[in-house]
């Protein structure tokens, strides 16, 4: 089996720099937050950092896709590996090979004009056919393999050598009966991603924790520097703390939410009910903490 790799440096560097810039921005924002007194401004900044985390994850995974992309040419098949996905293409099922300019004329760009992050993802031909882009070069430099199911758009560094090697193996005829198929890593097939109830519970928990943080930070500047944090059985204050300690309550809620969400995601594949209970408990914790915050403030 011969391994062919696409040119990765340009796209990899671009995505890495974007990832680095976003991470540095988040780091700067967090550093600025730590040097300021808690307020609605710090809450907004923290919320912005939290909302940037999915984008960081997307950029990190795209970088992983670019650097893991390769084409393995065997006797009877071509295996394409990209991130956590793999595609097995039997050589005898390839109906045609389209070169860059010829292939580019057949594609419906749908507003897409560049591939700064690599040409990786789904697309369509102007005739409505499915195209799977697994390339790093511009479309005019790609080579497309057409099967009955779809078109695979690739960009090996040595396009000419790749095509010659592929055609040589096709001309030999198949030795094994191989079916065209796609595989996906287990960590990309978490069933909780398609469970609306679980996602709804998770969303409610996240929203409740955000609102709890927002409420505490909006009220904090107007509170006394020292607050009663606990009462004994007779209703007498037995613990006082600086008002900043009030932020410990939503932080506890955040820790519980993260722990229950991770554990629920792990258990969901085998015990969905356990995942629902964990996510429901996380919501309950947010409500209990909210009542505690209101009692302390009032």
C-alpha atoms as a PDB file:
ATOM      1  CA  UNK A   1       0.000   0.000   0.000  1.00  0.00           C
ATOM      2  CA  UNK A   2       1.431   3.358  -1.081  1.00  0.00           C
ATOM      3  CA  UNK A   3       0.755   6.480   0.969  1.00  0.00           C
ATOM      4  CA  UNK A   4       0.109   9.762  -0.820  1.00  0.00           C
ATOM      5  CA  UNK A   5      -0.187  13.012   1.115  1.00  0.00           C
ATOM      6  CA  UNK A   6      -1.559  16.381   0.079  1.00  0.00           C
ATOM      7  CA  UNK A   7       0.408  19.613   0.580  1.00  0.00           C
ATOM      8  CA  UNK A   8      -0.572  20.719   4.084  1.00  0.00           C
ATOM      9  CA  UNK A   9       1.743  23.544   5.114  1.00  0.00           C
ATOM     10  CA  UNK A  10      -0.189  26.560   3.802  1.00  0.00           C
ATOM     11  CA  UNK A  11      -3.632  25.591   5.085  1.00  0.00           C
ATOM     12  CA  UNK A  12      -2.208  24.150   8.281  1.00  0.00           C
ATOM     13  CA  UNK A  13      -0.328  27.348   9.088  1.00  0.00           C
ATOM     14  CA  UNK A  14      -3.390  29.520   8.373  1.00  0.00           C
ATOM     15  CA  UNK A  15      -5.668  27.476  10.629  1.00  0.00           C
ATOM     16  CA  UNK A  16      -2.973  27.253  13.322  1.00  0.00           C
ATOM     17  CA  UNK A  17      -2.498  31.034  13.310  1.00  0.00           C
ATOM     18  CA  UNK A  18      -6.251  31.591  13.580  1.00  0.00           C
ATOM     19  CA  UNK A  19      -6.395  29.123  16.452  1.00  0.00           C
ATOM     20  CA  UNK A  20      -3.431  30.788  18.138  1.00  0.00           C
ATOM     21  CA  UNK A  21      -4.879  34.281  17.669  1.00  0.00           C
ATOM     22  CA  UNK A  22      -8.234  33.287  19.157  1.00  0.00           C
ATOM     23  CA  UNK A  23      -6.591  31.487  22.083  1.00  0.00           C
ATOM     24  CA  UNK A  24      -4.333  34.499  22.732  1.00  0.00           C
ATOM     25  CA  UNK A  25      -7.343  36.824  22.620  1.00  0.00           C
ATOM     26  CA  UNK A  26      -9.187  34.659  25.119  1.00  0.00           C
ATOM     27  CA  UNK A  27      -6.100  34.569  27.322  1.00  0.00           C
ATOM     28  CA  UNK A  28      -5.833  38.357  27.220  1.00  0.00           C
ATOM     29  CA  UNK A  29      -9.510  38.741  28.062  1.00  0.00           C
ATOM     30  CA  UNK A  30      -9.223  36.328  30.998  1.00  0.00           C
ATOM     31  CA  UNK A  31      -6.129  38.155  32.275  1.00  0.00           C
ATOM     32  CA  UNK A  32      -8.006  41.452  32.043  1.00  0.00           C
ATOM     33  CA  UNK A  33     -10.974  39.971  33.889  1.00  0.00           C
ATOM     34  CA  UNK A  34      -8.749  38.831  36.758  1.00  0.00           C
ATOM     35  CA  UNK A  35      -7.415  42.369  37.185  1.00  0.00           C
ATOM     36  CA  UNK A  36     -10.900  43.907  37.386  1.00  0.00           C
ATOM     37  CA  UNK A  37     -13.524  43.825  40.089  1.00  0.00           C
ATOM     38  CA  UNK A  38     -16.464  41.512  39.338  1.00  0.00           C
ATOM     39  CA  UNK A  39     -19.168  43.352  37.393  1.00  0.00           C
ATOM     40  CA  UNK A  40     -21.519  43.022  34.449  1.00  0.00           C
ATOM     41  CA  UNK A  41     -18.572  43.935  32.202  1.00  0.00           C
ATOM     42  CA  UNK A  42     -16.508  41.003  33.437  1.00  0.00           C
ATOM     43  CA  UNK A  43     -19.588  38.815  33.037  1.00  0.00           C
ATOM     44  CA  UNK A  44     -19.956  39.876  29.402  1.00  0.00           C
ATOM     45  CA  UNK A  45     -16.253  39.261  28.791  1.00  0.00           C
ATOM     46  CA  UNK A  46     -16.439  35.840  30.409  1.00  0.00           C
ATOM     47  CA  UNK A  47     -19.510  34.979  28.361  1.00  0.00           C
ATOM     48  CA  UNK A  48     -17.637  35.972  25.210  1.00  0.00           C
ATOM     49  CA  UNK A  49     -14.756  33.669  26.142  1.00  0.00           C
ATOM     50  CA  UNK A  50     -17.204  30.828  26.805  1.00  0.00           C
ATOM     51  CA  UNK A  51     -18.907  31.358  23.445  1.00  0.00           C
ATOM     52  CA  UNK A  52     -15.526  31.226  21.684  1.00  0.00           C
ATOM     53  CA  UNK A  53     -14.796  27.718  22.989  1.00  0.00           C
ATOM     54  CA  UNK A  54     -16.851  25.948  20.250  1.00  0.00           C
ATOM     55  CA  UNK A  55     -14.987  27.968  17.608  1.00  0.00           C
ATOM     56  CA  UNK A  56     -11.673  26.936  19.173  1.00  0.00           C
ATOM     57  CA  UNK A  57     -12.805  23.305  19.020  1.00  0.00           C
ATOM     58  CA  UNK A  58     -13.813  23.662  15.350  1.00  0.00           C
ATOM     59  CA  UNK A  59     -10.468  25.210  14.401  1.00  0.00           C
ATOM     60  CA  UNK A  60      -8.559  22.562  16.367  1.00  0.00           C
ATOM     61  CA  UNK A  61     -10.448  19.747  14.639  1.00  0.00           C
ATOM     62  CA  UNK A  62      -9.933  21.329  11.214  1.00  0.00           C
ATOM     63  CA  UNK A  63      -6.202  21.493  11.911  1.00  0.00           C
ATOM     64  CA  UNK A  64      -6.315  17.804  12.879  1.00  0.00           C
ATOM     65  CA  UNK A  65      -8.162  17.002   9.623  1.00  0.00           C
ATOM     66  CA  UNK A  66      -5.571  18.823   7.515  1.00  0.00           C
ATOM     67  CA  UNK A  67      -2.557  17.184   9.139  1.00  0.00           C
ATOM     68  CA  UNK A  68      -4.096  13.685   9.201  1.00  0.00           C
ATOM     69  CA  UNK A  69      -5.352  13.759   5.587  1.00  0.00           C
ATOM     70  CA  UNK A  70      -3.752  11.069   3.429  1.00  0.00           C
ATOM     71  CA  UNK A  71      -4.583   8.692   0.608  1.00  0.00           C
ATOM     72  CA  UNK A  72      -3.556   5.022   0.850  1.00  0.00           C
ATOM     73  CA  UNK A  73      -3.478   3.294  -2.532  1.00  0.00           C
ATOM     74  CA  UNK A  74      -3.671  -0.481  -2.364  1.00  0.00           C
ATOM     75  CA  UNK A  75      -4.031  -3.278  -4.900  1.00  0.00           C
ATOM     76  CA  UNK A  76      -7.811  -3.078  -5.168  1.00  0.00           C
ATOM     77  CA  UNK A  77      -8.842   0.014  -3.234  1.00  0.00           C
ATOM     78  CA  UNK A  78      -8.091   3.563  -2.241  1.00  0.00           C
ATOM     79  CA  UNK A  79      -8.420   4.406   1.457  1.00  0.00           C
ATOM     80  CA  UNK A  80      -8.840   8.076   2.350  1.00  0.00           C
ATOM     81  CA  UNK A  81      -8.217   9.084   5.972  1.00  0.00           C
ATOM     82  CA  UNK A  82      -9.225  12.494   7.285  1.00  0.00           C
ATOM     83  CA  UNK A  83      -9.616  13.284  10.982  1.00  0.00           C
ATOM     84  CA  UNK A  84     -11.851  10.692  12.583  1.00  0.00           C
ATOM     85  CA  UNK A  85     -13.311   9.546   9.265  1.00  0.00           C
ATOM     86  CA  UNK A  86     -12.215   7.058   6.658  1.00  0.00           C
ATOM     87  CA  UNK A  87     -13.464   6.228   3.143  1.00  0.00           C
ATOM     88  CA  UNK A  88     -12.872   2.997   1.252  1.00  0.00           C
ATOM     89  CA  UNK A  89     -13.137   3.360  -2.525  1.00  0.00           C
ATOM     90  CA  UNK A  90     -12.849   0.157  -4.644  1.00  0.00           C
ATOM     91  CA  UNK A  91     -10.766   0.914  -7.709  1.00  0.00           C
ATOM     92  CA  UNK A  92     -13.029  -1.088 -10.021  1.00  0.00           C
ATOM     93  CA  UNK A  93     -15.994   1.113  -9.006  1.00  0.00           C
ATOM     94  CA  UNK A  94     -14.302   4.331 -10.119  1.00  0.00           C
ATOM     95  CA  UNK A  95     -16.224   5.340 -13.243  1.00  0.00           C
ATOM     96  CA  UNK A  96     -14.095   8.294 -14.222  1.00  0.00           C
ATOM     97  CA  UNK A  97     -11.226  10.587 -13.264  1.00  0.00           C
ATOM     98  CA  UNK A  98     -11.736  14.330 -13.661  1.00  0.00           C
ATOM     99  CA  UNK A  99      -8.817  16.739 -13.666  1.00  0.00           C
ATOM    100  CA  UNK A 100      -8.846  20.152 -11.966  1.00  0.00           C
ATOM    101  CA  UNK A 101     -10.215  22.622 -14.569  1.00  0.00           C
ATOM    102  CA  UNK A 102     -12.656  20.052 -15.952  1.00  0.00           C
ATOM    103  CA  UNK A 103     -13.833  19.187 -12.427  1.00  0.00           C
ATOM    104  CA  UNK A 104     -14.138  22.847 -11.323  1.00  0.00           C
ATOM    105  CA  UNK A 105     -16.610  23.567 -14.125  1.00  0.00           C
ATOM    106  CA  UNK A 106     -18.936  20.865 -12.811  1.00  0.00           C
ATOM    107  CA  UNK A 107     -19.125  22.129  -9.214  1.00  0.00           C
ATOM    108  CA  UNK A 108     -21.826  24.341  -7.707  1.00  0.00           C
ATOM    109  CA  UNK A 109     -19.732  26.634  -5.491  1.00  0.00           C
ATOM    110  CA  UNK A 110     -22.803  28.010  -3.685  1.00  0.00           C
ATOM    111  CA  UNK A 111     -20.953  31.186  -2.712  1.00  0.00           C
ATOM    112  CA  UNK A 112     -17.722  29.476  -1.692  1.00  0.00           C
ATOM    113  CA  UNK A 113     -14.698  31.054  -3.335  1.00  0.00           C
ATOM    114  CA  UNK A 114     -11.709  29.978  -1.267  1.00  0.00           C
ATOM    115  CA  UNK A 115     -10.311  27.088   0.700  1.00  0.00           C
ATOM    116  CA  UNK A 116      -8.137  28.813   3.298  1.00  0.00           C
ATOM    117  CA  UNK A 117      -8.971  26.048   5.774  1.00  0.00           C
ATOM    118  CA  UNK A 118      -8.665  23.272   3.248  1.00  0.00           C
ATOM    119  CA  UNK A 119     -11.322  21.963   0.898  1.00  0.00           C
ATOM    120  CA  UNK A 120     -12.822  19.478   3.338  1.00  0.00           C
ATOM    121  CA  UNK A 121     -16.548  18.807   3.479  1.00  0.00           C
ATOM    122  CA  UNK A 122     -19.626  18.156   1.388  1.00  0.00           C
ATOM    123  CA  UNK A 123     -20.536  19.799  -1.894  1.00  0.00           C
ATOM    124  CA  UNK A 124     -22.672  19.305  -4.993  1.00  0.00           C
ATOM    125  CA  UNK A 125     -22.197  19.231  -8.708  1.00  0.00           C
ATOM    126  CA  UNK A 126     -24.299  21.498 -10.889  1.00  0.00           C
ATOM    127  CA  UNK A 127     -26.332  18.420 -11.712  1.00  0.00           C
ATOM    128  CA  UNK A 128     -27.111  17.789  -8.032  1.00  0.00           C
ATOM    129  CA  UNK A 129     -24.617  14.964  -7.455  1.00  0.00           C
ATOM    130  CA  UNK A 130     -22.787  14.543  -4.157  1.00  0.00           C
ATOM    131  CA  UNK A 131     -19.167  15.668  -3.870  1.00  0.00           C
ATOM    132  CA  UNK A 132     -16.903  14.885  -0.942  1.00  0.00           C
ATOM    133  CA  UNK A 133     -13.985  17.315  -0.743  1.00  0.00           C
ATOM    134  CA  UNK A 134     -10.896  15.831   0.893  1.00  0.00           C
ATOM    135  CA  UNK A 135      -8.294  18.222  -0.418  1.00  0.00           C
ATOM    136  CA  UNK A 136      -6.026  21.108   0.523  1.00  0.00           C
ATOM    137  CA  UNK A 137      -5.362  22.638  -2.894  1.00  0.00           C
ATOM    138  CA  UNK A 138      -7.686  24.919  -4.917  1.00  0.00           C
ATOM    139  CA  UNK A 139     -10.298  23.140  -6.980  1.00  0.00           C
ATOM    140  CA  UNK A 140      -8.488  23.650 -10.285  1.00  0.00           C
ATOM    141  CA  UNK A 141      -5.549  21.676  -8.851  1.00  0.00           C
ATOM    142  CA  UNK A 142      -7.635  18.799  -7.533  1.00  0.00           C
ATOM    143  CA  UNK A 143      -8.340  15.415  -9.058  1.00  0.00           C
ATOM    144  CA  UNK A 144     -11.860  13.959  -8.757  1.00  0.00           C
ATOM    145  CA  UNK A 145     -12.719  10.274  -8.647  1.00  0.00           C
ATOM    146  CA  UNK A 146     -16.279   9.560  -9.692  1.00  0.00           C
ATOM    147  CA  UNK A 147     -18.139   6.486  -8.415  1.00  0.00           C
ATOM    148  CA  UNK A 148     -21.790   5.524  -8.618  1.00  0.00           C
ATOM    149  CA  UNK A 149     -22.440   7.006  -5.160  1.00  0.00           C
ATOM    150  CA  UNK A 150     -20.493  10.273  -5.258  1.00  0.00           C
ATOM    151  CA  UNK A 151     -17.400  12.181  -6.344  1.00  0.00           C
ATOM    152  CA  UNK A 152     -14.228  12.270  -4.219  1.00  0.00           C
ATOM    153  CA  UNK A 153     -12.182  15.451  -4.699  1.00  0.00           C
ATOM    154  CA  UNK A 154      -8.525  14.895  -3.730  1.00  0.00           C
ATOM    155  CA  UNK A 155      -5.258  16.830  -3.932  1.00  0.00           C
ATOM    156  CA  UNK A 156      -2.185  14.586  -3.716  1.00  0.00           C
ATOM    157  CA  UNK A 157       1.080  16.515  -3.820  1.00  0.00           C
ATOM    158  CA  UNK A 158       2.175  14.515  -6.882  1.00  0.00           C
ATOM    159  CA  UNK A 159      -1.040  14.485  -8.879  1.00  0.00           C
ATOM    160  CA  UNK A 160       0.439  12.945 -12.010  1.00  0.00           C
ATOM    161  CA  UNK A 161       2.161  10.136 -10.122  1.00  0.00           C
ATOM    162  CA  UNK A 162      -0.986   9.432  -8.131  1.00  0.00           C
ATOM    163  CA  UNK A 163      -3.180   9.161 -11.233  1.00  0.00           C
ATOM    164  CA  UNK A 164      -0.683   6.916 -13.048  1.00  0.00           C
ATOM    165  CA  UNK A 165      -0.398   4.593 -10.037  1.00  0.00           C
ATOM    166  CA  UNK A 166      -4.168   4.457  -9.650  1.00  0.00           C
ATOM    167  CA  UNK A 167      -4.796   3.727 -13.321  1.00  0.00           C
ATOM    168  CA  UNK A 168      -2.131   1.016 -13.337  1.00  0.00           C
ATOM    169  CA  UNK A 169      -3.909  -0.797 -10.526  1.00  0.00           C
ATOM    170  CA  UNK A 170      -7.327  -0.325 -12.121  1.00  0.00           C
ATOM    171  CA  UNK A 171      -6.063  -1.869 -15.349  1.00  0.00           C
ATOM    172  CA  UNK A 172      -5.022  -5.016 -13.471  1.00  0.00           C
ATOM    173  CA  UNK A 173      -8.631  -5.721 -12.536  1.00  0.00           C
ATOM    174  CA  UNK A 174      -9.988  -6.528  -9.060  1.00  0.00           C
ATOM    175  CA  UNK A 175      -8.733  -9.464  -7.015  1.00  0.00           C
ATOM    176  CA  UNK A 176     -11.047  -8.907  -4.052  1.00  0.00           C
ATOM    177  CA  UNK A 177     -14.719  -7.926  -3.989  1.00  0.00           C
ATOM    178  CA  UNK A 178     -14.636  -4.714  -1.933  1.00  0.00           C
ATOM    179  CA  UNK A 179     -17.615  -2.483  -1.227  1.00  0.00           C
ATOM    180  CA  UNK A 180     -17.479   1.297  -1.157  1.00  0.00           C
ATOM    181  CA  UNK A 181     -18.045   2.501   2.394  1.00  0.00           C
ATOM    182  CA  UNK A 182     -17.334   5.184   4.965  1.00  0.00           C
ATOM    183  CA  UNK A 183     -16.224   4.682   8.565  1.00  0.00           C
ATOM    184  CA  UNK A 184     -16.299   7.062  11.486  1.00  0.00           C
ATOM    185  CA  UNK A 185     -14.442   7.001  14.799  1.00  0.00           C
ATOM    186  CA  UNK A 186     -16.505   6.070  17.845  1.00  0.00           C
ATOM    187  CA  UNK A 187     -15.810   9.380  19.558  1.00  0.00           C
ATOM    188  CA  UNK A 188     -17.539  11.171  16.664  1.00  0.00           C
ATOM    189  CA  UNK A 189     -20.688   9.041  16.897  1.00  0.00           C
ATOM    190  CA  UNK A 190     -21.898   9.979  20.371  1.00  0.00           C
ATOM    191  CA  UNK A 191     -25.655   9.250  20.318  1.00  0.00           C
ATOM    192  CA  UNK A 192     -26.300  12.115  22.736  1.00  0.00           C
ATOM    193  CA  UNK A 193     -25.679  14.481  19.823  1.00  0.00           C
ATOM    194  CA  UNK A 194     -28.987  13.327  18.301  1.00  0.00           C
ATOM    195  CA  UNK A 195     -30.971  13.127  21.550  1.00  0.00           C
ATOM    196  CA  UNK A 196     -33.193  16.218  21.713  1.00  0.00           C
ATOM    197  CA  UNK A 197     -34.221  15.639  25.313  1.00  0.00           C
ATOM    198  CA  UNK A 198     -30.626  15.361  26.526  1.00  0.00           C
ATOM    199  CA  UNK A 199     -29.545  18.396  24.508  1.00  0.00           C
ATOM    200  CA  UNK A 200     -32.540  20.330  25.817  1.00  0.00           C
ATOM    201  CA  UNK A 201     -31.673  19.507  29.427  1.00  0.00           C
ATOM    202  CA  UNK A 202     -28.060  20.469  28.810  1.00  0.00           C
ATOM    203  CA  UNK A 203     -29.140  23.753  27.241  1.00  0.00           C
ATOM    204  CA  UNK A 204     -31.415  24.579  30.186  1.00  0.00           C
ATOM    205  CA  UNK A 205     -28.585  23.855  32.633  1.00  0.00           C
ATOM    206  CA  UNK A 206     -26.149  26.076  30.724  1.00  0.00           C
ATOM    207  CA  UNK A 207     -28.686  28.902  30.491  1.00  0.00           C
ATOM    208  CA  UNK A 208     -29.514  28.640  34.200  1.00  0.00           C
ATOM    209  CA  UNK A 209     -25.836  28.876  35.143  1.00  0.00           C
ATOM    210  CA  UNK A 210     -25.282  31.870  32.840  1.00  0.00           C
ATOM    211  CA  UNK A 211     -28.283  33.661  34.359  1.00  0.00           C
ATOM    212  CA  UNK A 212     -27.031  32.872  37.867  1.00  0.00           C
ATOM    213  CA  UNK A 213     -23.617  34.351  37.092  1.00  0.00           C
ATOM    214  CA  UNK A 214     -25.243  37.365  35.471  1.00  0.00           C
ATOM    215  CA  UNK A 215     -27.521  38.008  38.449  1.00  0.00           C
ATOM    216  CA  UNK A 216     -24.691  37.765  40.987  1.00  0.00           C
ATOM    217  CA  UNK A 217     -22.366  40.036  39.014  1.00  0.00           C
ATOM    218  CA  UNK A 218     -25.077  42.614  38.362  1.00  0.00           C
ATOM    219  CA  UNK A 219     -25.909  42.879  42.091  1.00  0.00           C
ATOM    220  CA  UNK A 220     -22.401  42.554  43.497  1.00  0.00           C
ATOM    221  CA  UNK A 221     -21.237  46.212  43.209  1.00  0.00           C
ATOM    222  CA  UNK A 222     -24.225  47.465  45.230  1.00  0.00           C
ATOM    223  CA  UNK A 223     -23.826  44.976  48.091  1.00  0.00           C
ATOM    224  CA  UNK A 224     -22.102  45.581  51.424  1.00  0.00           C
ATOM    225  CA  UNK A 225     -18.396  44.634  51.438  1.00  0.00           C
ATOM    226  CA  UNK A 226     -19.165  41.899  53.999  1.00  0.00           C
ATOM    227  CA  UNK A 227     -22.119  39.526  53.641  1.00  0.00           C
ATOM    228  CA  UNK A 228     -23.677  36.908  55.908  1.00  0.00           C
ATOM    229  CA  UNK A 229     -23.053  33.607  54.121  1.00  0.00           C
ATOM    230  CA  UNK A 230     -24.553  31.118  56.566  1.00  0.00           C
ATOM    231  CA  UNK A 231     -27.070  30.922  59.409  1.00  0.00           C
ATOM    232  CA  UNK A 232     -27.264  28.337  62.193  1.00  0.00           C
ATOM    233  CA  UNK A 233     -30.342  26.403  63.224  1.00  0.00           C
ATOM    234  CA  UNK A 234     -31.584  29.365  65.320  1.00  0.00           C
ATOM    235  CA  UNK A 235     -31.349  31.824  62.451  1.00  0.00           C
ATOM    236  CA  UNK A 236     -28.223  33.517  63.759  1.00  0.00           C
ATOM    237  CA  UNK A 237     -25.421  34.436  61.358  1.00  0.00           C
ATOM    238  CA  UNK A 238     -22.444  32.187  62.037  1.00  0.00           C
ATOM    239  CA  UNK A 239     -20.360  32.951  58.961  1.00  0.00           C
ATOM    240  CA  UNK A 240     -19.526  36.192  57.174  1.00  0.00           C
ATOM    241  CA  UNK A 241     -17.381  36.588  54.074  1.00  0.00           C
ATOM    242  CA  UNK A 242     -16.322  39.302  51.584  1.00  0.00           C
ATOM    243  CA  UNK A 243     -19.004  39.851  48.950  1.00  0.00           C
ATOM    244  CA  UNK A 244     -16.739  38.400  46.252  1.00  0.00           C
ATOM    245  CA  UNK A 245     -17.232  34.984  47.880  1.00  0.00           C
ATOM    246  CA  UNK A 246     -20.779  35.074  46.523  1.00  0.00           C
ATOM    247  CA  UNK A 247     -19.319  34.094  43.142  1.00  0.00           C
ATOM    248  CA  UNK A 248     -18.425  30.753  44.655  1.00  0.00           C
ATOM    249  CA  UNK A 249     -22.066  29.654  44.373  1.00  0.00           C
ATOM    250  CA  UNK A 250     -22.456  29.945  40.576  1.00  0.00           C
ATOM    251  CA  UNK A 251     -18.946  28.491  40.253  1.00  0.00           C
ATOM    252  CA  UNK A 252     -20.093  25.431  42.204  1.00  0.00           C
ATOM    253  CA  UNK A 253     -23.037  25.234  39.822  1.00  0.00           C
ATOM    254  CA  UNK A 254     -20.689  25.376  36.830  1.00  0.00           C
ATOM    255  CA  UNK A 255     -18.499  22.584  38.224  1.00  0.00           C
ATOM    256  CA  UNK A 256     -21.534  20.373  38.844  1.00  0.00           C
ATOM    257  CA  UNK A 257     -22.855  21.137  35.355  1.00  0.00           C
ATOM    258  CA  UNK A 258     -19.561  20.236  33.665  1.00  0.00           C
ATOM    259  CA  UNK A 259     -19.084  17.043  35.709  1.00  0.00           C
ATOM    260  CA  UNK A 260     -22.661  15.818  35.215  1.00  0.00           C
ATOM    261  CA  UNK A 261     -22.566  16.672  31.505  1.00  0.00           C
ATOM    262  CA  UNK A 262     -19.349  14.740  30.915  1.00  0.00           C
ATOM    263  CA  UNK A 263     -20.533  11.759  32.953  1.00  0.00           C
ATOM    264  CA  UNK A 264     -23.948  11.867  31.281  1.00  0.00           C
ATOM    265  CA  UNK A 265     -22.344  11.918  27.828  1.00  0.00           C
ATOM    266  CA  UNK A 266     -20.267   8.865  28.766  1.00  0.00           C
ATOM    267  CA  UNK A 267     -23.261   6.942  30.150  1.00  0.00           C
ATOM    268  CA  UNK A 268     -25.784   7.933  27.487  1.00  0.00           C
ATOM    269  CA  UNK A 269     -24.753   5.263  24.987  1.00  0.00           C
ATOM    270  CA  UNK A 270     -25.758   2.459  27.394  1.00  0.00           C
ATOM    271  CA  UNK A 271     -28.065   4.156  29.912  1.00  0.00           C
ATOM    272  CA  UNK A 272     -29.884   7.187  28.487  1.00  0.00           C
ATOM    273  CA  UNK A 273     -32.033   7.433  31.630  1.00  0.00           C
ATOM    274  CA  UNK A 274     -28.924   7.875  33.794  1.00  0.00           C
ATOM    275  CA  UNK A 275     -27.813  10.713  31.527  1.00  0.00           C
ATOM    276  CA  UNK A 276     -31.230  12.404  31.847  1.00  0.00           C
ATOM    277  CA  UNK A 277     -31.062  12.120  35.640  1.00  0.00           C
ATOM    278  CA  UNK A 278     -27.573  13.613  35.788  1.00  0.00           C
ATOM    279  CA  UNK A 279     -28.519  16.529  33.542  1.00  0.00           C
ATOM    280  CA  UNK A 280     -31.726  17.054  35.515  1.00  0.00           C
ATOM    281  CA  UNK A 281     -29.753  17.060  38.770  1.00  0.00           C
ATOM    282  CA  UNK A 282     -27.435  19.718  37.337  1.00  0.00           C
ATOM    283  CA  UNK A 283     -30.462  21.930  36.624  1.00  0.00           C
ATOM    284  CA  UNK A 284     -31.774  21.331  40.145  1.00  0.00           C
ATOM    285  CA  UNK A 285     -28.413  22.376  41.603  1.00  0.00           C
ATOM    286  CA  UNK A 286     -28.583  25.656  39.652  1.00  0.00           C
ATOM    287  CA  UNK A 287     -32.054  26.359  41.077  1.00  0.00           C
ATOM    288  CA  UNK A 288     -30.993  25.538  44.654  1.00  0.00           C
ATOM    289  CA  UNK A 289     -27.964  27.803  44.312  1.00  0.00           C
ATOM    290  CA  UNK A 290     -30.144  30.560  42.877  1.00  0.00           C
ATOM    291  CA  UNK A 291     -32.422  30.391  45.932  1.00  0.00           C
ATOM    292  CA  UNK A 292     -29.346  30.530  48.197  1.00  0.00           C
ATOM    293  CA  UNK A 293     -28.015  33.600  46.336  1.00  0.00           C
ATOM    294  CA  UNK A 294     -31.334  35.405  46.602  1.00  0.00           C
ATOM    295  CA  UNK A 295     -31.564  34.648  50.332  1.00  0.00           C
ATOM    296  CA  UNK A 296     -28.035  35.923  50.969  1.00  0.00           C
ATOM    297  CA  UNK A 297     -28.555  39.102  48.987  1.00  0.00           C
ATOM    298  CA  UNK A 298     -31.912  39.863  50.543  1.00  0.00           C
END
